[in-house]
PDB file of all heavy atoms in Angstrom:
ATOM      1  N   LEU A   1       1.812 -37.885 -48.826  1.00  0.00           N
ATOM      2  CA  LEU A   1       2.666 -38.041 -47.617  1.00  0.00           C
ATOM      3  C   LEU A   1       3.903 -38.939 -47.843  1.00  0.00           C
ATOM      4  O   LEU A   1       4.916 -38.718 -47.223  1.00  0.00           O
ATOM      5  CB  LEU A   1       1.855 -38.613 -46.471  1.00  0.00           C
ATOM      6  CG  LEU A   1       0.646 -37.825 -46.064  1.00  0.00           C
ATOM      7  CD1 LEU A   1      -0.065 -38.460 -44.874  1.00  0.00           C
ATOM      8  CD2 LEU A   1       1.033 -36.360 -45.737  1.00  0.00           C
ATOM      9  N   ARG A   2       3.812 -39.840 -48.734  1.00  0.00           N
ATOM     10  CA  ARG A   2       4.924 -40.812 -48.932  1.00  0.00           C
ATOM     11  C   ARG A   2       5.744 -40.428 -50.154  1.00  0.00           C
ATOM     12  O   ARG A   2       6.732 -41.085 -50.472  1.00  0.00           O
ATOM     13  CB  ARG A   2       4.414 -42.217 -49.029  1.00  0.00           C
ATOM     14  CG  ARG A   2       3.647 -42.690 -47.811  1.00  0.00           C
ATOM     15  CD  ARG A   2       4.110 -44.003 -47.352  1.00  0.00           C
ATOM     16  NE  ARG A   2       3.385 -44.489 -46.204  1.00  0.00           N
ATOM     17  CZ  ARG A   2       3.770 -44.301 -44.979  1.00  0.00           C
ATOM     18  NH1 ARG A   2       4.857 -43.606 -44.715  1.00  0.00           N
ATOM     19  NH2 ARG A   2       3.057 -44.764 -43.968  1.00  0.00           N
ATOM     20  N   ASP A   3       5.315 -39.428 -50.953  1.00  0.00           N
ATOM     21  CA  ASP A   3       6.018 -39.055 -52.136  1.00  0.00           C
ATOM     22  C   ASP A   3       7.288 -38.300 -51.772  1.00  0.00           C
ATOM     23  O   ASP A   3       7.276 -37.363 -50.961  1.00  0.00           O
ATOM     24  CB  ASP A   3       5.122 -38.151 -53.012  1.00  0.00           C
ATOM     25  CG  ASP A   3       3.942 -38.850 -53.542  1.00  0.00           C
ATOM     26  OD1 ASP A   3       3.935 -40.090 -53.595  1.00  0.00           O
ATOM     27  OD2 ASP A   3       2.922 -38.197 -53.957  1.00  0.00           O
ATOM     28  N   PRO A   4       8.391 -38.633 -52.412  1.00  0.00           N
ATOM     29  CA  PRO A   4       9.671 -37.867 -52.177  1.00  0.00           C
ATOM     30  C   PRO A   4       9.550 -36.507 -52.778  1.00  0.00           C
ATOM     31  O   PRO A   4       9.020 -36.315 -53.897  1.00  0.00           O
ATOM     32  CB  PRO A   4      10.758 -38.664 -52.828  1.00  0.00           C
ATOM     33  CG  PRO A   4      10.070 -39.728 -53.634  1.00  0.00           C
ATOM     34  CD  PRO A   4       8.613 -39.781 -53.280  1.00  0.00           C
ATOM     35  N   ILE A   5      10.021 -35.485 -52.056  1.00  0.00           N
ATOM     36  CA  ILE A   5       9.999 -34.151 -52.550  1.00  0.00           C
ATOM     37  C   ILE A   5      11.319 -33.427 -52.106  1.00  0.00           C
ATOM     38  O   ILE A   5      11.788 -33.638 -51.024  1.00  0.00           O
ATOM     39  CB  ILE A   5       8.803 -33.339 -52.122  1.00  0.00           C
ATOM     40  CG1 ILE A   5       8.834 -31.921 -52.725  1.00  0.00           C
ATOM     41  CG2 ILE A   5       8.645 -33.304 -50.586  1.00  0.00           C
ATOM     42  CD1 ILE A   5       7.504 -31.175 -52.682  1.00  0.00           C
ATOM     43  N   GLN A   6      11.862 -32.607 -52.983  1.00  0.00           N
ATOM     44  CA  GLN A   6      13.056 -31.824 -52.708  1.00  0.00           C
ATOM     45  C   GLN A   6      12.677 -30.385 -52.847  1.00  0.00           C
ATOM     46  O   GLN A   6      12.171 -29.928 -53.816  1.00  0.00           O
ATOM     47  CB  GLN A   6      14.170 -32.165 -53.715  1.00  0.00           C
ATOM     48  CG  GLN A   6      15.425 -31.369 -53.442  1.00  0.00           C
ATOM     49  CD  GLN A   6      16.589 -31.826 -54.291  1.00  0.00           C
ATOM     50  OE1 GLN A   6      16.562 -32.897 -54.892  1.00  0.00           O
ATOM     51  NE2 GLN A   6      17.588 -30.970 -54.395  1.00  0.00           N
ATOM     52  N   VAL A   7      13.011 -29.606 -51.756  1.00  0.00           N
ATOM     53  CA  VAL A   7      12.645 -28.183 -51.679  1.00  0.00           C
ATOM     54  C   VAL A   7      13.910 -27.386 -51.281  1.00  0.00           C
ATOM     55  O   VAL A   7      14.568 -27.739 -50.267  1.00  0.00           O
ATOM     56  CB  VAL A   7      11.573 -27.969 -50.605  1.00  0.00           C
ATOM     57  CG1 VAL A   7      11.248 -26.475 -50.504  1.00  0.00           C
ATOM     58  CG2 VAL A   7      10.321 -28.707 -50.993  1.00  0.00           C
ATOM     59  N   ASP A   8      14.209 -26.346 -52.048  1.00  0.00           N
ATOM     60  CA  ASP A   8      15.316 -25.454 -51.692  1.00  0.00           C
ATOM     61  C   ASP A   8      14.796 -24.055 -51.501  1.00  0.00           C
ATOM     62  O   ASP A   8      14.413 -23.427 -52.441  1.00  0.00           O
ATOM     63  CB  ASP A   8      16.383 -25.522 -52.798  1.00  0.00           C
ATOM     64  CG  ASP A   8      17.725 -24.840 -52.389  1.00  0.00           C
ATOM     65  OD1 ASP A   8      17.746 -24.115 -51.359  1.00  0.00           O
ATOM     66  OD2 ASP A   8      18.691 -25.083 -53.128  1.00  0.00           O
ATOM     67  N   LEU A   9      14.835 -23.587 -50.268  1.00  0.00           N
ATOM     68  CA  LEU A   9      14.386 -22.266 -49.891  1.00  0.00           C
ATOM     69  C   LEU A   9      15.593 -21.431 -49.384  1.00  0.00           C
ATOM     70  O   LEU A   9      15.410 -20.407 -48.777  1.00  0.00           O
ATOM     71  CB  LEU A   9      13.336 -22.296 -48.813  1.00  0.00           C
ATOM     72  CG  LEU A   9      12.083 -23.085 -49.131  1.00  0.00           C
ATOM     73  CD1 LEU A   9      11.137 -23.163 -47.932  1.00  0.00           C
ATOM     74  CD2 LEU A   9      11.350 -22.424 -50.305  1.00  0.00           C
ATOM     75  N   SER A  10      16.785 -21.889 -49.662  1.00  0.00           N
ATOM     76  CA  SER A  10      18.004 -21.239 -49.241  1.00  0.00           C
ATOM     77  C   SER A  10      18.144 -19.820 -49.708  1.00  0.00           C
ATOM     78  O   SER A  10      17.658 -19.469 -50.792  1.00  0.00           O
ATOM     79  CB  SER A  10      19.235 -22.008 -49.700  1.00  0.00           C
ATOM     80  OG  SER A  10      19.224 -23.344 -49.275  1.00  0.00           O
ATOM     81  N   SER A  11      18.841 -19.035 -48.941  1.00  0.00           N
ATOM     82  CA  SER A  11      19.276 -17.672 -49.347  1.00  0.00           C
ATOM     83  C   SER A  11      18.086 -16.773 -49.696  1.00  0.00           C
ATOM     84  O   SER A  11      18.021 -16.173 -50.760  1.00  0.00           O
ATOM     85  CB  SER A  11      20.274 -17.690 -50.436  1.00  0.00           C
ATOM     86  OG  SER A  11      21.422 -18.422 -50.031  1.00  0.00           O
ATOM     87  N   ASN A  12      17.128 -16.699 -48.771  1.00  0.00           N
ATOM     88  CA  ASN A  12      16.019 -15.749 -48.892  1.00  0.00           C
ATOM     89  C   ASN A  12      16.055 -14.978 -47.550  1.00  0.00           C
ATOM     90  O   ASN A  12      17.100 -14.919 -46.884  1.00  0.00           O
ATOM     91  CB  ASN A  12      14.697 -16.477 -49.044  1.00  0.00           C
ATOM     92  CG  ASN A  12      14.463 -16.897 -50.479  1.00  0.00           C
ATOM     93  OD1 ASN A  12      14.157 -16.114 -51.332  1.00  0.00           O
ATOM     94  ND2 ASN A  12      14.635 -18.220 -50.741  1.00  0.00           N
ATOM     95  N   SER A  13      14.944 -14.345 -47.196  1.00  0.00           N
ATOM     96  CA  SER A  13      14.811 -13.702 -45.904  1.00  0.00           C
ATOM     97  C   SER A  13      13.662 -14.270 -45.093  1.00  0.00           C
ATOM     98  O   SER A  13      12.918 -13.572 -44.414  1.00  0.00           O
ATOM     99  CB  SER A  13      14.674 -12.229 -46.049  1.00  0.00           C
ATOM    100  OG  SER A  13      15.850 -11.615 -46.542  1.00  0.00           O
ATOM    101  N   LEU A  14      13.440 -15.603 -45.199  1.00  0.00           N
ATOM    102  CA  LEU A  14      12.409 -16.263 -44.464  1.00  0.00           C
ATOM    103  C   LEU A  14      12.779 -16.291 -42.991  1.00  0.00           C
ATOM    104  O   LEU A  14      13.944 -16.332 -42.627  1.00  0.00           O
ATOM    105  CB  LEU A  14      12.239 -17.688 -45.002  1.00  0.00           C
ATOM    106  CG  LEU A  14      11.742 -17.752 -46.450  1.00  0.00           C
ATOM    107  CD1 LEU A  14      11.839 -19.187 -46.963  1.00  0.00           C
ATOM    108  CD2 LEU A  14      10.373 -17.200 -46.612  1.00  0.00           C
ATOM    109  N   SER A  15      11.757 -16.225 -42.149  1.00  0.00           N
ATOM    110  CA  SER A  15      12.006 -16.058 -40.723  1.00  0.00           C
ATOM    111  C   SER A  15      11.013 -16.876 -39.906  1.00  0.00           C
ATOM    112  O   SER A  15      10.138 -17.559 -40.424  1.00  0.00           O
ATOM    113  CB  SER A  15      11.907 -14.582 -40.359  1.00  0.00           C
ATOM    114  OG  SER A  15      10.621 -14.100 -40.641  1.00  0.00           O
ATOM    115  N   GLY A  16      11.117 -16.743 -38.592  1.00  0.00           N
ATOM    116  CA  GLY A  16      10.223 -17.451 -37.692  1.00  0.00           C
ATOM    117  C   GLY A  16      10.600 -18.869 -37.404  1.00  0.00           C
ATOM    118  O   GLY A  16      11.796 -19.231 -37.508  1.00  0.00           O
ATOM    119  N   THR A  17       9.667 -19.716 -37.163  1.00  0.00           N
ATOM    120  CA  THR A  17       9.867 -21.090 -36.840  1.00  0.00           C
ATOM    121  C   THR A  17       9.447 -21.948 -37.998  1.00  0.00           C
ATOM    122  O   THR A  17       8.398 -21.684 -38.639  1.00  0.00           O
ATOM    123  CB  THR A  17       9.049 -21.474 -35.568  1.00  0.00           C
ATOM    124  OG1 THR A  17       9.520 -20.671 -34.489  1.00  0.00           O
ATOM    125  CG2 THR A  17       9.206 -22.941 -35.208  1.00  0.00           C
ATOM    126  N   VAL A  18      10.169 -22.987 -38.302  1.00  0.00           N
ATOM    127  CA  VAL A  18       9.807 -23.936 -39.344  1.00  0.00           C
ATOM    128  C   VAL A  18       8.505 -24.632 -38.842  1.00  0.00           C
ATOM    129  O   VAL A  18       8.505 -25.119 -37.703  1.00  0.00           O
ATOM    130  CB  VAL A  18      10.947 -24.914 -39.627  1.00  0.00           C
ATOM    131  CG1 VAL A  18      10.541 -25.952 -40.678  1.00  0.00           C
ATOM    132  CG2 VAL A  18      12.197 -24.208 -40.069  1.00  0.00           C
ATOM    133  N   PRO A  19       7.475 -24.656 -39.628  1.00  0.00           N
ATOM    134  CA  PRO A  19       6.179 -25.209 -39.156  1.00  0.00           C
ATOM    135  C   PRO A  19       6.232 -26.746 -38.921  1.00  0.00           C
ATOM    136  O   PRO A  19       6.790 -27.509 -39.735  1.00  0.00           O
ATOM    137  CB  PRO A  19       5.182 -24.881 -40.265  1.00  0.00           C
ATOM    138  CG  PRO A  19       6.029 -24.666 -41.461  1.00  0.00           C
ATOM    139  CD  PRO A  19       7.376 -24.166 -41.000  1.00  0.00           C
ATOM    140  N   THR A  20       5.636 -27.154 -37.845  1.00  0.00           N
ATOM    141  CA  THR A  20       5.593 -28.574 -37.501  1.00  0.00           C
ATOM    142  C   THR A  20       4.722 -29.332 -38.514  1.00  0.00           C
ATOM    143  O   THR A  20       4.850 -30.566 -38.590  1.00  0.00           O
ATOM    144  CB  THR A  20       5.048 -28.798 -36.091  1.00  0.00           C
ATOM    145  OG1 THR A  20       3.726 -28.200 -35.990  1.00  0.00           O
ATOM    146  CG2 THR A  20       5.957 -28.190 -35.055  1.00  0.00           C
ATOM    147  N   ASP A  21       3.896 -28.667 -39.267  1.00  0.00           N
ATOM    148  CA  ASP A  21       3.034 -29.259 -40.264  1.00  0.00           C
ATOM    149  C   ASP A  21       3.861 -30.081 -41.325  1.00  0.00           C
ATOM    150  O   ASP A  21       3.337 -30.981 -41.965  1.00  0.00           O
ATOM    151  CB  ASP A  21       2.113 -28.291 -40.967  1.00  0.00           C
ATOM    152  CG  ASP A  21       1.204 -27.625 -39.898  1.00  0.00           C
ATOM    153  OD1 ASP A  21       1.700 -26.766 -39.160  1.00  0.00           O
ATOM    154  OD2 ASP A  21       0.013 -27.947 -39.898  1.00  0.00           O
ATOM    155  N   LEU A  22       5.138 -29.638 -41.545  1.00  0.00           N
ATOM    156  CA  LEU A  22       5.969 -30.369 -42.480  1.00  0.00           C
ATOM    157  C   LEU A  22       6.217 -31.786 -42.013  1.00  0.00           C
ATOM    158  O   LEU A  22       6.696 -32.643 -42.786  1.00  0.00           O
ATOM    159  CB  LEU A  22       7.277 -29.596 -42.666  1.00  0.00           C
ATOM    160  CG  LEU A  22       7.177 -28.308 -43.426  1.00  0.00           C
ATOM    161  CD1 LEU A  22       8.551 -27.614 -43.463  1.00  0.00           C
ATOM    162  CD2 LEU A  22       6.653 -28.526 -44.834  1.00  0.00           C
ATOM    163  N   ASP A  23       5.963 -32.094 -40.717  1.00  0.00           N
ATOM    164  CA  ASP A  23       6.143 -33.380 -40.146  1.00  0.00           C
ATOM    165  C   ASP A  23       5.370 -34.438 -40.924  1.00  0.00           C
ATOM    166  O   ASP A  23       5.698 -35.608 -40.822  1.00  0.00           O
ATOM    167  CB  ASP A  23       5.731 -33.323 -38.682  1.00  0.00           C
ATOM    168  CG  ASP A  23       6.233 -34.505 -37.883  1.00  0.00           C
ATOM    169  OD1 ASP A  23       7.238 -35.050 -38.213  1.00  0.00           O
ATOM    170  OD2 ASP A  23       5.564 -34.807 -36.823  1.00  0.00           O
ATOM    171  N   LEU A  24       4.352 -34.063 -41.662  1.00  0.00           N
ATOM    172  CA  LEU A  24       3.517 -34.996 -42.368  1.00  0.00           C
ATOM    173  C   LEU A  24       4.263 -35.580 -43.610  1.00  0.00           C
ATOM    174  O   LEU A  24       3.830 -36.627 -44.102  1.00  0.00           O
ATOM    175  CB  LEU A  24       2.247 -34.340 -42.813  1.00  0.00           C
ATOM    176  CG  LEU A  24       1.305 -33.859 -41.688  1.00  0.00           C
ATOM    177  CD1 LEU A  24       0.140 -33.068 -42.255  1.00  0.00           C
ATOM    178  CD2 LEU A  24       0.872 -35.040 -40.884  1.00  0.00           C
ATOM    179  N   LEU A  25       5.276 -34.887 -44.066  1.00  0.00           N
ATOM    180  CA  LEU A  25       6.004 -35.383 -45.252  1.00  0.00           C
ATOM    181  C   LEU A  25       7.139 -36.356 -44.794  1.00  0.00           C
ATOM    182  O   LEU A  25       7.998 -35.993 -44.046  1.00  0.00           O
ATOM    183  CB  LEU A  25       6.602 -34.159 -45.969  1.00  0.00           C
ATOM    184  CG  LEU A  25       5.615 -33.170 -46.492  1.00  0.00           C
ATOM    185  CD1 LEU A  25       6.280 -31.916 -46.981  1.00  0.00           C
ATOM    186  CD2 LEU A  25       4.723 -33.792 -47.589  1.00  0.00           C
ATOM    187  N   ASN A  26       7.047 -37.601 -45.320  1.00  0.00           N
ATOM    188  CA  ASN A  26       7.971 -38.604 -44.856  1.00  0.00           C
ATOM    189  C   ASN A  26       9.307 -38.577 -45.574  1.00  0.00           C
ATOM    190  O   ASN A  26      10.328 -38.987 -45.037  1.00  0.00           O
ATOM    191  CB  ASN A  26       7.359 -39.992 -45.041  1.00  0.00           C
ATOM    192  CG  ASN A  26       6.183 -40.192 -44.119  1.00  0.00           C
ATOM    193  OD1 ASN A  26       6.135 -39.635 -43.030  1.00  0.00           O
ATOM    194  ND2 ASN A  26       5.227 -40.994 -44.582  1.00  0.00           N
ATOM    195  N   GLN A  27       9.344 -38.086 -46.816  1.00  0.00           N
ATOM    196  CA  GLN A  27      10.546 -38.187 -47.613  1.00  0.00           C
ATOM    197  C   GLN A  27      10.890 -36.804 -48.162  1.00  0.00           C
ATOM    198  O   GLN A  27      10.974 -36.566 -49.379  1.00  0.00           O
ATOM    199  CB  GLN A  27      10.396 -39.149 -48.801  1.00  0.00           C
ATOM    200  CG  GLN A  27      10.179 -40.578 -48.324  1.00  0.00           C
ATOM    201  CD  GLN A  27      10.217 -41.519 -49.503  1.00  0.00           C
ATOM    202  OE1 GLN A  27      11.146 -41.571 -50.314  1.00  0.00           O
ATOM    203  NE2 GLN A  27       9.100 -42.267 -49.646  1.00  0.00           N
ATOM    204  N   LEU A  28      11.135 -35.896 -47.242  1.00  0.00           N
ATOM    205  CA  LEU A  28      11.469 -34.495 -47.594  1.00  0.00           C
ATOM    206  C   LEU A  28      12.935 -34.242 -47.590  1.00  0.00           C
ATOM    207  O   LEU A  28      13.606 -34.586 -46.580  1.00  0.00           O
ATOM    208  CB  LEU A  28      10.730 -33.584 -46.612  1.00  0.00           C
ATOM    209  CG  LEU A  28      10.996 -32.038 -46.760  1.00  0.00           C
ATOM    210  CD1 LEU A  28      10.440 -31.531 -48.134  1.00  0.00           C
ATOM    211  CD2 LEU A  28      10.355 -31.276 -45.613  1.00  0.00           C
ATOM    212  N   THR A  29      13.438 -33.656 -48.646  1.00  0.00           N
ATOM    213  CA  THR A  29      14.798 -33.131 -48.622  1.00  0.00           C
ATOM    214  C   THR A  29      14.626 -31.649 -48.723  1.00  0.00           C
ATOM    215  O   THR A  29      14.062 -31.125 -49.674  1.00  0.00           O
ATOM    216  CB  THR A  29      15.577 -33.644 -49.817  1.00  0.00           C
ATOM    217  OG1 THR A  29      15.686 -35.080 -49.758  1.00  0.00           O
ATOM    218  CG2 THR A  29      16.983 -33.040 -49.856  1.00  0.00           C
ATOM    219  N   ILE A  30      15.016 -30.930 -47.692  1.00  0.00           N
ATOM    220  CA  ILE A  30      14.764 -29.487 -47.591  1.00  0.00           C
ATOM    221  C   ILE A  30      16.051 -28.727 -47.233  1.00  0.00           C
ATOM    222  O   ILE A  30      16.809 -29.187 -46.377  1.00  0.00           O
ATOM    223  CB  ILE A  30      13.625 -29.190 -46.562  1.00  0.00           C
ATOM    224  CG1 ILE A  30      13.181 -27.712 -46.698  1.00  0.00           C
ATOM    225  CG2 ILE A  30      13.970 -29.624 -45.172  1.00  0.00           C
ATOM    226  CD1 ILE A  30      11.861 -27.399 -46.031  1.00  0.00           C
ATOM    227  N   TYR A  31      16.276 -27.661 -47.978  1.00  0.00           N
ATOM    228  CA  TYR A  31      17.444 -26.814 -47.733  1.00  0.00           C
ATOM    229  C   TYR A  31      16.971 -25.473 -47.297  1.00  0.00           C
ATOM    230  O   TYR A  31      16.210 -24.765 -47.998  1.00  0.00           O
ATOM    231  CB  TYR A  31      18.273 -26.746 -49.053  1.00  0.00           C
ATOM    232  CG  TYR A  31      18.715 -28.100 -49.543  1.00  0.00           C
ATOM    233  CD1 TYR A  31      18.141 -28.657 -50.678  1.00  0.00           C
ATOM    234  CD2 TYR A  31      19.675 -28.813 -48.838  1.00  0.00           C
ATOM    235  CE1 TYR A  31      18.535 -29.879 -51.135  1.00  0.00           C
ATOM    236  CE2 TYR A  31      20.075 -30.080 -49.284  1.00  0.00           C
ATOM    237  CZ  TYR A  31      19.470 -30.575 -50.418  1.00  0.00           C
ATOM    238  OH  TYR A  31      19.895 -31.827 -50.867  1.00  0.00           O
ATOM    239  N   LEU A  32      17.329 -25.046 -46.100  1.00  0.00           N
ATOM    240  CA  LEU A  32      16.857 -23.792 -45.518  1.00  0.00           C
ATOM    241  C   LEU A  32      17.984 -22.822 -45.133  1.00  0.00           C
ATOM    242  O   LEU A  32      17.705 -21.801 -44.504  1.00  0.00           O
ATOM    243  CB  LEU A  32      16.070 -24.185 -44.248  1.00  0.00           C
ATOM    244  CG  LEU A  32      14.835 -25.040 -44.454  1.00  0.00           C
ATOM    245  CD1 LEU A  32      14.257 -25.524 -43.106  1.00  0.00           C
ATOM    246  CD2 LEU A  32      13.783 -24.334 -45.287  1.00  0.00           C
ATOM    247  N   ARG A  33      19.213 -23.113 -45.498  1.00  0.00           N
ATOM    248  CA  ARG A  33      20.345 -22.321 -45.089  1.00  0.00           C
ATOM    249  C   ARG A  33      20.206 -20.843 -45.477  1.00  0.00           C
ATOM    250  O   ARG A  33      19.496 -20.508 -46.435  1.00  0.00           O
ATOM    251  CB  ARG A  33      21.640 -22.844 -45.625  1.00  0.00           C
ATOM    252  CG  ARG A  33      21.865 -22.613 -47.112  1.00  0.00           C
ATOM    253  CD  ARG A  33      23.155 -23.152 -47.645  1.00  0.00           C
ATOM    254  NE  ARG A  33      23.234 -23.042 -49.070  1.00  0.00           N
ATOM    255  CZ  ARG A  33      22.722 -23.927 -49.934  1.00  0.00           C
ATOM    256  NH1 ARG A  33      22.173 -25.024 -49.509  1.00  0.00           N
ATOM    257  NH2 ARG A  33      22.813 -23.688 -51.241  1.00  0.00           N
ATOM    258  N   ASP A  34      20.908 -20.002 -44.770  1.00  0.00           N
ATOM    259  CA  ASP A  34      21.065 -18.584 -45.106  1.00  0.00           C
ATOM    260  C   ASP A  34      19.692 -17.866 -45.139  1.00  0.00           C
ATOM    261  O   ASP A  34      19.382 -17.188 -46.091  1.00  0.00           O
ATOM    262  CB  ASP A  34      21.837 -18.405 -46.405  1.00  0.00           C
ATOM    263  CG  ASP A  34      22.343 -17.044 -46.634  1.00  0.00           C
ATOM    264  OD1 ASP A  34      22.541 -16.304 -45.643  1.00  0.00           O
ATOM    265  OD2 ASP A  34      22.588 -16.658 -47.792  1.00  0.00           O
ATOM    266  N   ASN A  35      18.883 -18.047 -44.131  1.00  0.00           N
ATOM    267  CA  ASN A  35      17.653 -17.312 -43.948  1.00  0.00           C
ATOM    268  C   ASN A  35      17.708 -16.686 -42.514  1.00  0.00           C
ATOM    269  O   ASN A  35      18.816 -16.530 -41.984  1.00  0.00           O
ATOM    270  CB  ASN A  35      16.440 -18.276 -44.087  1.00  0.00           C
ATOM    271  CG  ASN A  35      16.062 -18.459 -45.511  1.00  0.00           C
ATOM    272  OD1 ASN A  35      15.478 -17.573 -46.147  1.00  0.00           O
ATOM    273  ND2 ASN A  35      16.306 -19.657 -46.042  1.00  0.00           N
ATOM    274  N   LYS A  36      16.566 -16.425 -41.927  1.00  0.00           N
ATOM    275  CA  LYS A  36      16.535 -15.818 -40.622  1.00  0.00           C
ATOM    276  C   LYS A  36      15.620 -16.589 -39.662  1.00  0.00           C
ATOM    277  O   LYS A  36      14.890 -16.019 -38.895  1.00  0.00           O
ATOM    278  CB  LYS A  36      16.030 -14.387 -40.740  1.00  0.00           C
ATOM    279  CG  LYS A  36      16.961 -13.484 -41.638  1.00  0.00           C
ATOM    280  CD  LYS A  36      16.401 -12.088 -41.787  1.00  0.00           C
ATOM    281  CE  LYS A  36      17.343 -11.325 -42.700  1.00  0.00           C
ATOM    282  NZ  LYS A  36      16.876 -10.004 -42.967  1.00  0.00           N
ATOM    283  N   PHE A  37      15.742 -17.902 -39.739  1.00  0.00           N
ATOM    284  CA  PHE A  37      14.903 -18.750 -38.895  1.00  0.00           C
ATOM    285  C   PHE A  37      15.379 -18.698 -37.415  1.00  0.00           C
ATOM    286  O   PHE A  37      16.560 -18.734 -37.121  1.00  0.00           O
ATOM    287  CB  PHE A  37      14.954 -20.158 -39.365  1.00  0.00           C
ATOM    288  CG  PHE A  37      14.245 -20.404 -40.675  1.00  0.00           C
ATOM    289  CD1 PHE A  37      14.949 -20.726 -41.810  1.00  0.00           C
ATOM    290  CD2 PHE A  37      12.883 -20.256 -40.752  1.00  0.00           C
ATOM    291  CE1 PHE A  37      14.342 -20.844 -43.028  1.00  0.00           C
ATOM    292  CE2 PHE A  37      12.236 -20.415 -41.994  1.00  0.00           C
ATOM    293  CZ  PHE A  37      12.948 -20.734 -43.108  1.00  0.00           C
ATOM    294  N   THR A  38      14.357 -18.595 -36.509  1.00  0.00           N
ATOM    295  CA  THR A  38      14.678 -18.530 -35.060  1.00  0.00           C
ATOM    296  C   THR A  38      14.145 -19.736 -34.373  1.00  0.00           C
ATOM    297  O   THR A  38      14.386 -19.825 -33.142  1.00  0.00           O
ATOM    298  CB  THR A  38      14.048 -17.272 -34.479  1.00  0.00           C
ATOM    299  OG1 THR A  38      12.668 -17.237 -34.765  1.00  0.00           O
ATOM    300  CG2 THR A  38      14.708 -16.001 -35.030  1.00  0.00           C
ATOM    301  N   GLY A  39      13.556 -20.662 -35.047  1.00  0.00           N
ATOM    302  CA  GLY A  39      13.008 -21.829 -34.402  1.00  0.00           C
ATOM    303  C   GLY A  39      12.957 -23.062 -35.336  1.00  0.00           C
ATOM    304  O   GLY A  39      12.630 -22.950 -36.484  1.00  0.00           O
ATOM    305  N   LEU A  40      13.324 -24.208 -34.751  1.00  0.00           N
ATOM    306  CA  LEU A  40      13.229 -25.511 -35.423  1.00  0.00           C
ATOM    307  C   LEU A  40      12.640 -26.498 -34.399  1.00  0.00           C
ATOM    308  O   LEU A  40      13.397 -26.935 -33.518  1.00  0.00           O
ATOM    309  CB  LEU A  40      14.594 -25.953 -35.896  1.00  0.00           C
ATOM    310  CG  LEU A  40      14.703 -27.286 -36.611  1.00  0.00           C
ATOM    311  CD1 LEU A  40      13.823 -27.304 -37.892  1.00  0.00           C
ATOM    312  CD2 LEU A  40      16.121 -27.676 -36.951  1.00  0.00           C
ATOM    313  N   PRO A  41      11.412 -26.799 -34.488  1.00  0.00           N
ATOM    314  CA  PRO A  41      10.764 -27.697 -33.523  1.00  0.00           C
ATOM    315  C   PRO A  41      11.467 -29.070 -33.492  1.00  0.00           C
ATOM    316  O   PRO A  41      11.640 -29.674 -34.555  1.00  0.00           O
ATOM    317  CB  PRO A  41       9.324 -27.830 -34.013  1.00  0.00           C
ATOM    318  CG  PRO A  41       9.079 -26.631 -34.865  1.00  0.00           C
ATOM    319  CD  PRO A  41      10.406 -26.339 -35.498  1.00  0.00           C
ATOM    320  N   PRO A  42      11.770 -29.577 -32.311  1.00  0.00           N
ATOM    321  CA  PRO A  42      12.438 -30.894 -32.211  1.00  0.00           C
ATOM    322  C   PRO A  42      11.615 -31.995 -32.811  1.00  0.00           C
ATOM    323  O   PRO A  42      12.128 -33.009 -33.213  1.00  0.00           O
ATOM    324  CB  PRO A  42      12.584 -31.054 -30.690  1.00  0.00           C
ATOM    325  CG  PRO A  42      12.494 -29.717 -30.097  1.00  0.00           C
ATOM    326  CD  PRO A  42      11.638 -28.889 -31.016  1.00  0.00           C
ATOM    327  N   THR A  43      10.264 -31.832 -32.889  1.00  0.00           N
ATOM    328  CA  THR A  43       9.468 -32.907 -33.444  1.00  0.00           C
ATOM    329  C   THR A  43       9.733 -33.182 -34.940  1.00  0.00           C
ATOM    330  O   THR A  43       9.475 -34.228 -35.456  1.00  0.00           O
ATOM    331  CB  THR A  43       7.969 -32.575 -33.321  1.00  0.00           C
ATOM    332  OG1 THR A  43       7.691 -31.344 -33.947  1.00  0.00           O
ATOM    333  CG2 THR A  43       7.519 -32.521 -31.837  1.00  0.00           C
ATOM    334  N   LEU A  44      10.348 -32.156 -35.635  1.00  0.00           N
ATOM    335  CA  LEU A  44      10.764 -32.361 -37.017  1.00  0.00           C
ATOM    336  C   LEU A  44      11.980 -33.255 -37.149  1.00  0.00           C
ATOM    337  O   LEU A  44      12.321 -33.686 -38.218  1.00  0.00           O
ATOM    338  CB  LEU A  44      11.008 -30.997 -37.676  1.00  0.00           C
ATOM    339  CG  LEU A  44       9.792 -30.098 -37.818  1.00  0.00           C
ATOM    340  CD1 LEU A  44      10.170 -28.753 -38.486  1.00  0.00           C
ATOM    341  CD2 LEU A  44       8.656 -30.782 -38.562  1.00  0.00           C
TER     342      LEU A  44
END
């Protein structure tokens, strides 16, 4: 949970809502641009 992690999922065809379960990661750098996401929970 406290480990830094960098994730790049940019430029795919991922869709839906970003899962709130990612909330458990404290030091996440995540790139999600250029997909088909329709939801981003405010809790994130």
